[in-house]
Amino acid sequence: MISLIDVTCHGDAPLPHPVLGQVSVIFRTGERVGILARPGRGKSTLARLLCGMDRPDAGVLRRQGRVSWPIGSSGFLHPDLTG
């Protein structure tokens, strides 16, 4: 299970507003979730948080158990590319 509790993250660029602002969501074990949004809306930032590549600027991110492929693999997100 992965829990995000009031997670805020500004992503890579210093923006006046966060890419993710006070997001709270629970991904339960065995769930399959797709994330669809327009460019620049935080999909890659969320993926980087879920796989442990980044940490939130505020809030709590809890991962219980393992994160499966492809999110759990170290080469999932190239630092120069987006999701």
PDB file of N, CA and C in Angstrom:
ATOM      1  N   MET A   1       0.847  -1.167   0.000  1.00  0.00           N
ATOM      2  CA  MET A   1       0.000   0.000   0.000  1.00  0.00           C
ATOM      3  C   MET A   1       0.898   1.237   0.000  1.00  0.00           C
ATOM      4  N   ILE A   2       0.469   2.241  -0.740  1.00  0.00           N
ATOM      5  CA  ILE A   2       1.174   3.524  -0.780  1.00  0.00           C
ATOM      6  C   ILE A   2       0.185   4.601  -0.366  1.00  0.00           C
ATOM      7  N   SER A   3       0.572   5.412   0.605  1.00  0.00           N
ATOM      8  CA  SER A   3      -0.289   6.490   1.095  1.00  0.00           C
ATOM      9  C   SER A   3       0.411   7.828   0.925  1.00  0.00           C
ATOM     10  N   LEU A   4      -0.287   8.785   0.371  1.00  0.00           N
ATOM     11  CA  LEU A   4       0.168  10.164   0.320  1.00  0.00           C
ATOM     12  C   LEU A   4      -0.791  10.963   1.186  1.00  0.00           C
ATOM     13  N   ILE A   5      -0.235  11.671   2.155  1.00  0.00           N
ATOM     14  CA  ILE A   5      -1.057  12.439   3.081  1.00  0.00           C
ATOM     15  C   ILE A   5      -0.611  13.896   3.028  1.00  0.00           C
ATOM     16  N   ASP A   6      -1.460  14.740   2.452  1.00  0.00           N
ATOM     17  CA  ASP A   6      -1.183  16.171   2.309  1.00  0.00           C
ATOM     18  C   ASP A   6       0.180  16.437   1.672  1.00  0.00           C
ATOM     19  N   VAL A   7       0.504  15.693   0.620  1.00  0.00           N
ATOM     20  CA  VAL A   7       1.802  15.803  -0.041  1.00  0.00           C
ATOM     21  C   VAL A   7       1.829  17.021  -0.972  1.00  0.00           C
ATOM     22  N   THR A   8       2.868  17.812  -0.821  1.00  0.00           N
ATOM     23  CA  THR A   8       3.123  18.954  -1.699  1.00  0.00           C
ATOM     24  C   THR A   8       4.509  18.778  -2.286  1.00  0.00           C
ATOM     25  N   CYS A   9       4.632  19.018  -3.602  1.00  0.00           N
ATOM     26  CA  CYS A   9       5.917  18.879  -4.278  1.00  0.00           C
ATOM     27  C   CYS A   9       5.988  19.904  -5.403  1.00  0.00           C
ATOM     28  N   HIS A  10       7.116  20.594  -5.499  1.00  0.00           N
ATOM     29  CA  HIS A  10       7.299  21.603  -6.533  1.00  0.00           C
ATOM     30  C   HIS A  10       7.963  21.045  -7.787  1.00  0.00           C
ATOM     31  N   GLY A  11       8.358  19.789  -7.789  1.00  0.00           N
ATOM     32  CA  GLY A  11       8.996  19.209  -8.969  1.00  0.00           C
ATOM     33  C   GLY A  11      10.403  19.745  -9.162  1.00  0.00           C
ATOM     34  N   ASP A  12      10.877  19.745 -10.413  1.00  0.00           N
ATOM     35  CA  ASP A  12      12.256  20.162 -10.701  1.00  0.00           C
ATOM     36  C   ASP A  12      12.418  21.675 -10.790  1.00  0.00           C
ATOM     37  N   ALA A  13      11.444  22.361 -11.360  1.00  0.00           N
ATOM     38  CA  ALA A  13      11.571  23.799 -11.587  1.00  0.00           C
ATOM     39  C   ALA A  13      10.993  24.575 -10.402  1.00  0.00           C
ATOM     40  N   PRO A  14      11.660  25.663 -10.023  1.00  0.00           N
ATOM     41  CA  PRO A  14      11.090  26.489  -8.950  1.00  0.00           C
ATOM     42  C   PRO A  14       9.882  27.263  -9.485  1.00  0.00           C
ATOM     43  N   LEU A  15       8.714  26.836  -9.085  1.00  0.00           N
ATOM     44  CA  LEU A  15       7.471  27.455  -9.545  1.00  0.00           C
ATOM     45  C   LEU A  15       6.822  28.223  -8.400  1.00  0.00           C
ATOM     46  N   PRO A  16       6.036  29.243  -8.716  1.00  0.00           N
ATOM     47  CA  PRO A  16       5.346  29.952  -7.639  1.00  0.00           C
ATOM     48  C   PRO A  16       4.276  29.101  -6.964  1.00  0.00           C
ATOM     49  N   HIS A  17       3.809  28.072  -7.649  1.00  0.00           N
ATOM     50  CA  HIS A  17       2.811  27.166  -7.067  1.00  0.00           C
ATOM     51  C   HIS A  17       3.315  25.729  -7.214  1.00  0.00           C
ATOM     52  N   PRO A  18       2.923  24.838  -6.322  1.00  0.00           N
ATOM     53  CA  PRO A  18       3.406  23.454  -6.392  1.00  0.00           C
ATOM     54  C   PRO A  18       2.792  22.696  -7.568  1.00  0.00           C
ATOM     55  N   VAL A  19       3.535  21.702  -8.073  1.00  0.00           N
ATOM     56  CA  VAL A  19       3.018  20.802  -9.101  1.00  0.00           C
ATOM     57  C   VAL A  19       1.960  19.903  -8.474  1.00  0.00           C
ATOM     58  N   LEU A  20       2.244  19.418  -7.283  1.00  0.00           N
ATOM     59  CA  LEU A  20       1.266  18.670  -6.485  1.00  0.00           C
ATOM     60  C   LEU A  20       1.045  19.460  -5.207  1.00  0.00           C
ATOM     61  N   GLY A  21      -0.189  19.800  -4.926  1.00  0.00           N
ATOM     62  CA  GLY A  21      -0.472  20.611  -3.750  1.00  0.00           C
ATOM     63  C   GLY A  21      -1.439  19.933  -2.799  1.00  0.00           C
ATOM     64  N   GLN A  22      -0.950  19.554  -1.641  1.00  0.00           N
ATOM     65  CA  GLN A  22      -1.726  18.914  -0.575  1.00  0.00           C
ATOM     66  C   GLN A  22      -2.579  17.757  -1.095  1.00  0.00           C
ATOM     67  N   VAL A  23      -1.913  16.827  -1.779  1.00  0.00           N
ATOM     68  CA  VAL A  23      -2.574  15.645  -2.342  1.00  0.00           C
ATOM     69  C   VAL A  23      -2.651  14.556  -1.279  1.00  0.00           C
ATOM     70  N   SER A  24      -3.826  13.976  -1.123  1.00  0.00           N
ATOM     71  CA  SER A  24      -4.018  12.839  -0.227  1.00  0.00           C
ATOM     72  C   SER A  24      -4.698  11.728  -1.020  1.00  0.00           C
ATOM     73  N   VAL A  25      -4.049  10.563  -1.064  1.00  0.00           N
ATOM     74  CA  VAL A  25      -4.597   9.420  -1.799  1.00  0.00           C
ATOM     75  C   VAL A  25      -3.987   8.144  -1.230  1.00  0.00           C
ATOM     76  N   ILE A  26      -4.731   7.059  -1.316  1.00  0.00           N
ATOM     77  CA  ILE A  26      -4.222   5.745  -0.897  1.00  0.00           C
ATOM     78  C   ILE A  26      -4.323   4.802  -2.086  1.00  0.00           C
ATOM     79  N   PHE A  27      -3.185   4.202  -2.457  1.00  0.00           N
ATOM     80  CA  PHE A  27      -3.144   3.156  -3.472  1.00  0.00           C
ATOM     81  C   PHE A  27      -3.045   1.833  -2.713  1.00  0.00           C
ATOM     82  N   ARG A  28      -4.099   1.069  -2.716  1.00  0.00           N
ATOM     83  CA  ARG A  28      -4.140  -0.183  -1.946  1.00  0.00           C
ATOM     84  C   ARG A  28      -3.428  -1.303  -2.692  1.00  0.00           C
ATOM     85  N   THR A  29      -2.982  -2.286  -1.957  1.00  0.00           N
ATOM     86  CA  THR A  29      -2.293  -3.441  -2.519  1.00  0.00           C
ATOM     87  C   THR A  29      -3.175  -4.110  -3.570  1.00  0.00           C
ATOM     88  N   GLY A  30      -2.605  -4.349  -4.738  1.00  0.00           N
ATOM     89  CA  GLY A  30      -3.320  -5.025  -5.809  1.00  0.00           C
ATOM     90  C   GLY A  30      -4.095  -4.110  -6.739  1.00  0.00           C
ATOM     91  N   GLU A  31      -4.220  -2.840  -6.397  1.00  0.00           N
ATOM     92  CA  GLU A  31      -4.930  -1.904  -7.273  1.00  0.00           C
ATOM     93  C   GLU A  31      -4.066  -1.551  -8.475  1.00  0.00           C
ATOM     94  N   ARG A  32      -4.722  -1.297  -9.585  1.00  0.00           N
ATOM     95  CA  ARG A  32      -4.048  -0.798 -10.779  1.00  0.00           C
ATOM     96  C   ARG A  32      -4.639   0.573 -11.072  1.00  0.00           C
ATOM     97  N   VAL A  33      -3.754   1.552 -11.203  1.00  0.00           N
ATOM     98  CA  VAL A  33      -4.196   2.927 -11.347  1.00  0.00           C
ATOM     99  C   VAL A  33      -3.514   3.562 -12.548  1.00  0.00           C
ATOM    100  N   GLY A  34      -4.270   4.269 -13.351  1.00  0.00           N
ATOM    101  CA  GLY A  34      -3.717   5.050 -14.453  1.00  0.00           C
ATOM    102  C   GLY A  34      -3.811   6.530 -14.112  1.00  0.00           C
ATOM    103  N   ILE A  35      -2.814   7.279 -14.513  1.00  0.00           N
ATOM    104  CA  ILE A  35      -2.793   8.706 -14.227  1.00  0.00           C
ATOM    105  C   ILE A  35      -2.789   9.447 -15.559  1.00  0.00           C
ATOM    106  N   LEU A  36      -3.871  10.148 -15.826  1.00  0.00           N
ATOM    107  CA  LEU A  36      -4.020  10.906 -17.068  1.00  0.00           C
ATOM    108  C   LEU A  36      -4.151  12.381 -16.734  1.00  0.00           C
ATOM    109  N   ALA A  37      -3.356  13.204 -17.397  1.00  0.00           N
ATOM    110  CA  ALA A  37      -3.444  14.654 -17.193  1.00  0.00           C
ATOM    111  C   ALA A  37      -2.723  15.350 -18.340  1.00  0.00           C
ATOM    112  N   ARG A  38      -2.987  16.617 -18.470  1.00  0.00           N
ATOM    113  CA  ARG A  38      -2.328  17.425 -19.490  1.00  0.00           C
ATOM    114  C   ARG A  38      -0.847  17.579 -19.161  1.00  0.00           C
ATOM    115  N   PRO A  39      -0.018  17.950 -20.154  1.00  0.00           N
ATOM    116  CA  PRO A  39       1.407  18.164 -19.904  1.00  0.00           C
ATOM    117  C   PRO A  39       1.643  19.210 -18.809  1.00  0.00           C
ATOM    118  N   GLY A  40       2.632  18.927 -17.974  1.00  0.00           N
ATOM    119  CA  GLY A  40       3.003  19.855 -16.913  1.00  0.00           C
ATOM    120  C   GLY A  40       2.114  19.829 -15.696  1.00  0.00           C
ATOM    121  N   ARG A  41       1.293  18.805 -15.556  1.00  0.00           N
ATOM    122  CA  ARG A  41       0.355  18.741 -14.440  1.00  0.00           C
ATOM    123  C   ARG A  41       0.827  17.855 -13.294  1.00  0.00           C
ATOM    124  N   GLY A  42       2.027  17.258 -13.384  1.00  0.00           N
ATOM    125  CA  GLY A  42       2.575  16.530 -12.250  1.00  0.00           C
ATOM    126  C   GLY A  42       2.605  15.015 -12.366  1.00  0.00           C
ATOM    127  N   LYS A  43       2.359  14.458 -13.554  1.00  0.00           N
ATOM    128  CA  LYS A  43       2.378  12.991 -13.709  1.00  0.00           C
ATOM    129  C   LYS A  43       3.758  12.420 -13.403  1.00  0.00           C
ATOM    130  N   SER A  44       4.784  12.991 -13.996  1.00  0.00           N
ATOM    131  CA  SER A  44       6.152  12.499 -13.760  1.00  0.00           C
ATOM    132  C   SER A  44       6.576  12.741 -12.321  1.00  0.00           C
ATOM    133  N   THR A  45       6.198  13.873 -11.770  1.00  0.00           N
ATOM    134  CA  THR A  45       6.523  14.172 -10.375  1.00  0.00           C
ATOM    135  C   THR A  45       5.887  13.139  -9.454  1.00  0.00           C
ATOM    136  N   LEU A  46       4.629  12.805  -9.711  1.00  0.00           N
ATOM    137  CA  LEU A  46       3.952  11.787  -8.909  1.00  0.00           C
ATOM    138  C   LEU A  46       4.631  10.432  -9.066  1.00  0.00           C
ATOM    139  N   ALA A  47       4.996  10.056 -10.288  1.00  0.00           N
ATOM    140  CA  ALA A  47       5.678   8.774 -10.521  1.00  0.00           C
ATOM    141  C   ALA A  47       7.017   8.739  -9.798  1.00  0.00           C
ATOM    142  N   ARG A  48       7.759   9.842  -9.828  1.00  0.00           N
ATOM    143  CA  ARG A  48       9.056   9.896  -9.136  1.00  0.00           C
ATOM    144  C   ARG A  48       8.878   9.776  -7.621  1.00  0.00           C
ATOM    145  N   LEU A  49       7.816  10.345  -7.090  1.00  0.00           N
ATOM    146  CA  LEU A  49       7.531  10.201  -5.659  1.00  0.00           C
ATOM    147  C   LEU A  49       7.182   8.755  -5.319  1.00  0.00           C
ATOM    148  N   LEU A  50       6.330   8.143  -6.140  1.00  0.00           N
ATOM    149  CA  LEU A  50       5.882   6.777  -5.857  1.00  0.00           C
ATOM    150  C   LEU A  50       7.021   5.773  -5.894  1.00  0.00           C
ATOM    151  N   CYS A  51       7.977   5.960  -6.813  1.00  0.00           N
ATOM    152  CA  CYS A  51       9.073   4.985  -6.916  1.00  0.00           C
ATOM    153  C   CYS A  51      10.242   5.311  -5.990  1.00  0.00           C
ATOM    154  N   GLY A  52      10.178   6.440  -5.283  1.00  0.00           N
ATOM    155  CA  GLY A  52      11.221   6.758  -4.310  1.00  0.00           C
ATOM    156  C   GLY A  52      12.370   7.568  -4.861  1.00  0.00           C
ATOM    157  N   MET A  53      12.263   8.049  -6.104  1.00  0.00           N
ATOM    158  CA  MET A  53      13.332   8.868  -6.676  1.00  0.00           C
ATOM    159  C   MET A  53      13.353  10.267  -6.069  1.00  0.00           C
ATOM    160  N   ASP A  54      12.198  10.779  -5.688  1.00  0.00           N
ATOM    161  CA  ASP A  54      12.077  12.111  -5.092  1.00  0.00           C
ATOM    162  C   ASP A  54      11.360  12.018  -3.761  1.00  0.00           C
ATOM    163  N   ARG A  55      11.501  13.067  -2.980  1.00  0.00           N
ATOM    164  CA  ARG A  55      10.790  13.175  -1.708  1.00  0.00           C
ATOM    165  C   ARG A  55       9.860  14.385  -1.774  1.00  0.00           C
ATOM    166  N   PRO A  56       8.746  14.325  -1.087  1.00  0.00           N
ATOM    167  CA  PRO A  56       7.842  15.479  -1.100  1.00  0.00           C
ATOM    168  C   PRO A  56       8.444  16.666  -0.346  1.00  0.00           C
ATOM    169  N   ASP A  57       8.058  17.866  -0.754  1.00  0.00           N
ATOM    170  CA  ASP A  57       8.492  19.071  -0.049  1.00  0.00           C
ATOM    171  C   ASP A  57       7.761  19.211   1.284  1.00  0.00           C
ATOM    172  N   ALA A  58       6.550  18.683   1.348  1.00  0.00           N
ATOM    173  CA  ALA A  58       5.758  18.698   2.582  1.00  0.00           C
ATOM    174  C   ALA A  58       4.813  17.507   2.555  1.00  0.00           C
ATOM    175  N   GLY A  59       4.332  17.118   3.704  1.00  0.00           N
ATOM    176  CA  GLY A  59       3.415  15.986   3.795  1.00  0.00           C
ATOM    177  C   GLY A  59       4.140  14.680   4.055  1.00  0.00           C
ATOM    178  N   VAL A  60       3.373  13.597   4.021  1.00  0.00           N
ATOM    179  CA  VAL A  60       3.895  12.274   4.362  1.00  0.00           C
ATOM    180  C   VAL A  60       3.632  11.312   3.209  1.00  0.00           C
ATOM    181  N   LEU A  61       4.662  10.555   2.832  1.00  0.00           N
ATOM    182  CA  LEU A  61       4.555   9.496   1.825  1.00  0.00           C
ATOM    183  C   LEU A  61       4.971   8.194   2.492  1.00  0.00           C
ATOM    184  N   ARG A  62       4.054   7.229   2.535  1.00  0.00           N
ATOM    185  CA  ARG A  62       4.341   5.932   3.168  1.00  0.00           C
ATOM    186  C   ARG A  62       4.216   4.835   2.130  1.00  0.00           C
ATOM    187  N   ARG A  63       5.255   4.008   2.037  1.00  0.00           N
ATOM    188  CA  ARG A  63       5.223   2.836   1.167  1.00  0.00           C
ATOM    189  C   ARG A  63       5.348   1.605   2.044  1.00  0.00           C
ATOM    190  N   GLN A  64       4.352   0.722   1.970  1.00  0.00           N
ATOM    191  CA  GLN A  64       4.403  -0.529   2.721  1.00  0.00           C
ATOM    192  C   GLN A  64       4.494  -1.651   1.707  1.00  0.00           C
ATOM    193  N   GLY A  65       5.511  -2.473   1.834  1.00  0.00           N
ATOM    194  CA  GLY A  65       5.720  -3.548   0.868  1.00  0.00           C
ATOM    195  C   GLY A  65       6.604  -3.082  -0.269  1.00  0.00           C
ATOM    196  N   ARG A  66       6.557  -3.808  -1.368  1.00  0.00           N
ATOM    197  CA  ARG A  66       7.383  -3.483  -2.527  1.00  0.00           C
ATOM    198  C   ARG A  66       6.559  -2.775  -3.593  1.00  0.00           C
ATOM    199  N   VAL A  67       7.237  -1.960  -4.374  1.00  0.00           N
ATOM    200  CA  VAL A  67       6.610  -1.311  -5.518  1.00  0.00           C
ATOM    201  C   VAL A  67       7.041  -2.103  -6.743  1.00  0.00           C
ATOM    202  N   SER A  68       6.065  -2.582  -7.514  1.00  0.00           N
ATOM    203  CA  SER A  68       6.381  -3.498  -8.619  1.00  0.00           C
ATOM    204  C   SER A  68       6.858  -2.766  -9.870  1.00  0.00           C
ATOM    205  N   TRP A  69       7.351  -3.556 -10.824  1.00  0.00           N
ATOM    206  CA  TRP A  69       7.812  -3.052 -12.104  1.00  0.00           C
ATOM    207  C   TRP A  69       6.621  -2.478 -12.853  1.00  0.00           C
ATOM    208  N   PRO A  70       6.742  -1.417 -13.614  1.00  0.00           N
ATOM    209  CA  PRO A  70       7.960  -0.682 -13.909  1.00  0.00           C
ATOM    210  C   PRO A  70       8.291   0.407 -12.897  1.00  0.00           C
ATOM    211  N   ILE A  71       7.317   0.789 -12.052  1.00  0.00           N
ATOM    212  CA  ILE A  71       7.568   1.873 -11.093  1.00  0.00           C
ATOM    213  C   ILE A  71       8.730   1.535 -10.163  1.00  0.00           C
ATOM    214  N   GLY A  72       8.842   0.298  -9.750  1.00  0.00           N
ATOM    215  CA  GLY A  72       9.868  -0.085  -8.790  1.00  0.00           C
ATOM    216  C   GLY A  72      11.258  -0.249  -9.369  1.00  0.00           C
ATOM    217  N   SER A  73      11.412  -0.228 -10.690  1.00  0.00           N
ATOM    218  CA  SER A  73      12.742  -0.422 -11.276  1.00  0.00           C
ATOM    219  C   SER A  73      13.504   0.895 -11.294  1.00  0.00           C
ATOM    220  N   SER A  74      14.815   0.801 -11.145  1.00  0.00           N
ATOM    221  CA  SER A  74      15.632   2.009 -11.052  1.00  0.00           C
ATOM    222  C   SER A  74      15.693   2.784 -12.355  1.00  0.00           C
ATOM    223  N   GLY A  75      15.473   2.135 -13.489  1.00  0.00           N
ATOM    224  CA  GLY A  75      15.554   2.827 -14.768  1.00  0.00           C
ATOM    225  C   GLY A  75      14.204   3.268 -15.301  1.00  0.00           C
ATOM    226  N   PHE A  76      13.186   3.291 -14.460  1.00  0.00           N
ATOM    227  CA  PHE A  76      11.835   3.618 -14.895  1.00  0.00           C
ATOM    228  C   PHE A  76      11.740   5.009 -15.510  1.00  0.00           C
ATOM    229  N   LEU A  77      12.303   5.992 -14.842  1.00  0.00           N
ATOM    230  CA  LEU A  77      12.248   7.364 -15.340  1.00  0.00           C
ATOM    231  C   LEU A  77      13.653   7.905 -15.559  1.00  0.00           C
ATOM    232  N   HIS A  78      13.958   8.190 -16.805  1.00  0.00           N
ATOM    233  CA  HIS A  78      15.235   8.820 -17.110  1.00  0.00           C
ATOM    234  C   HIS A  78      15.148  10.262 -16.632  1.00  0.00           C
ATOM    235  N   PRO A  79      16.199  10.798 -15.985  1.00  0.00           N
ATOM    236  CA  PRO A  79      16.118  12.139 -15.420  1.00  0.00           C
ATOM    237  C   PRO A  79      15.849  13.242 -16.445  1.00  0.00           C
ATOM    238  N   ASP A  80      16.158  13.004 -17.719  1.00  0.00           N
ATOM    239  CA  ASP A  80      15.953  14.025 -18.741  1.00  0.00           C
ATOM    240  C   ASP A  80      14.623  13.865 -19.486  1.00  0.00           C
ATOM    241  N   LEU A  81      13.854  12.837 -19.158  1.00  0.00           N
ATOM    242  CA  LEU A  81      12.591  12.589 -19.843  1.00  0.00           C
ATOM    243  C   LEU A  81      11.429  12.682 -18.868  1.00  0.00           C
ATOM    244  N   THR A  82      10.211  12.769 -19.423  1.00  0.00           N
ATOM    245  CA  THR A  82       9.021  12.832 -18.582  1.00  0.00           C
ATOM    246  C   THR A  82       8.111  11.660 -18.885  1.00  0.00           C
ATOM    247  N   GLY A  83       7.116  11.454 -18.038  1.00  0.00           N
ATOM    248  CA  GLY A  83       6.164  10.383 -18.206  1.00  0.00           C
ATOM    249  C   GLY A  83       5.106  10.764 -19.193  1.00  0.00           C
TER     250      GLY A  83
END
